[in-house]
Structures are given as structure tokens and as C-alpha cells.
Amino acid sequence: MAKMKLSEIKTNNHYLRLNSNVDMLAKSIDQVGLIHPLSVNSKKELLAGGRRYCAIKNLGWDEVEVIVVKKPDPEQELISIDENLVRKSLSKLQFEKCLNRGRKIYEELNPSATKISMDTKKLSTAEKAEKKEQELADNTSFAAINSEKLGLSKSVITGAIKRDALSSKKVKDARNQGEISAGQANELIRMSKQDQDKALPYIKKHTIKEIRKLVDNVKTSGVEEAIKIDKKQARLPKEYVQIINLSKRLNKVLGKILLEQITYVGPEAKKIAKETGNLHDNLSDFLEIQSDHPSSADLSNEPNLNMTIKPQTNEHQAKH
């Protein structure tokens, strides 16, 4: 522990968080003092504590307590990354970039640690089970040592690292602009960065399942042919995809209620009756539209889709 003049500390570290509101932090430091000293290296460069530095500067302090870190440059960078990951509100892409950079440094400094694989091949059920066992046994990889600290599973951390390491710049830009999701990117990174860029303009409104199919076709037929095949596919509107997914979840819940004969009498009973009544009416109208405008598929074998359900009467709703 040492004391250093604030004017001597250099803040050229790009990991530092210097442009944020520190009024509350300054008030806390003014009242109780600096609990955690700043971390600097032998060149008086600030490694960790950017917000604390700004708060102290705003308070008009001349000098501050510091911990001088005497470690090689990679370890100094790892200290800055660690503070960033734990304390700074990062965007998803910034978070992934920090994780991936931290992983590289950590694996260089710890050659015997378990390396995070960049393999993106589809796994069989048996391979998935084996991978899960390996993750549970792993306690030396970068993902393992950061899992508890970040409150994230090893697989989530590994996935984030892979997205940063394997995504092309255009894919990252598309995610940053909200054009595609992390789930879509997870499928795209199964291709080369060059193929990602070729496929990107065509898949921004695709579901994850649709992108997965396109990527599988790229593996067998090449990206140009896969795009041609994809363009010929009939697209299911996203609203219908949502209906399918919501229906699966709702039917699972309703199935449990019916199987176990769960009943409820309480203050929310009227609200439940109202919302399920509205759902009943909307489903009735929806199924009627579907039966009036069937798709090219043969709906005659799907009696539920051609059946018009009578809407609940007000009297029936009142009873509930």
C-alpha cells in the first residue's frame, strides 16, 4: 500500500470506466473514506478503479491510497478485464469481447489449464452428455474460474467467448444494431467468417431453426447453393412461430392442471376467468380464419384446425 498524488496517475487504460455518473460514489467516499484502494502499475498507470478515481477527483483530493501491481503486462491487463467483467455495465458484445480477451491471456499464463474449445460441430445426444460431464469435472478453465464470480454457468461463458472469437465483423455489427440475436449468431458461427458475410443479408428475419437448416446445407452444398435452396423455402410468419412456441408451453401447463386437478378459489379467480375467456374467444376466431383459408397442406387430417369452437357466453363467463 502506498500514497500517490492524483495528478501523477495516468488514465490511458481503455478498459477504465471514466465517463459515468459518480455522484453517489463520491458521496459515499466522502462519508466513509476509500474502502478499496486504486490499482496502478509501476508506470503509475491506473489498472482498476476508474469510477473511484473520478469520484476522488471530483472531491478535490490531492493524493490517494494505491496498490502498486508489479506483474507482467498480460497479468496487468487481466486485472483490468476482471474489474470490467465484475463491476462495469457492458453491452453484450463488449462483455463477450472482454471474456474472450481474458480467456486468451489466462490460457497463455496457465498452459496446464483446460483450454476452451472453439469447435462448433453439432453433437449427438451421447456427445452432449459426455460434454456435460466434462464441464462438471472442469475446474481450471477460464470459464470455470469465472463462473461463480459472474453468476453464469460455464456453458454460457463458453458460448459468449465463442461468439466473439468466431463471429465475423459484419455479424457483430448486425448484433450491435439489433438486426440479429445471439441465438442466430450461434448458428452462423458454425460457418467460416466469409460464408457468414455471404449469408447474413438473407437471414436477418429467419428463425434460429431456419438458420440452422441453411448452415447444414452450407456444409454439404456450399454457401451459394444453400442460399438458393433457402430462398425457395416457404417462410412461416414469425407470429405463427410465436403461436407454436406459446401453445406448447401453455398446453404443458394446462396439461399439468388437468392431470392433477388443480383448482383455485381466491382474489385472482375473476382475473383468471377473464383472461382465459379472452384467450378462448381469440382462439375461436383464429381457428375459424384458419379453416376459411387453409394452407397448401391437407388440413382435412387435422380436425382441430377445421373445428369452430363456440365462444363463451357472458353467462358462462359470469359463472366463473
Foldseek 3Di string as FASTA:
>chain_A
DDKDFLVQAAAPDPLADAPDDLPVVLVVCVVPNDPDFFEAEPSNYTQDDNSVSNSCVVVVDGMTDYDYDYDDPLVSNLSSLVRSLQPNDDDLLVNLVSLLSNQVSLCVVPVVADHQDLQLDDDDPVRVVVVVVVQVPHCGHSLNVCCVSNVHGSVVSSLSNNLNVQEAPVVVVCVVVVQAHSLLSSQLSNDHNVLSVVCVVPPSQPDSVLSNQLSVCCVPPNSVVSVVVSVPDDDDPVVVVVVVVVVVVVCVVVVVCVVVVDDDDDDCPLVVLVVVLVVQVVVLVVLCVCLVPPDPDDCVVVVVSNDRDDRDDPVNSVVD
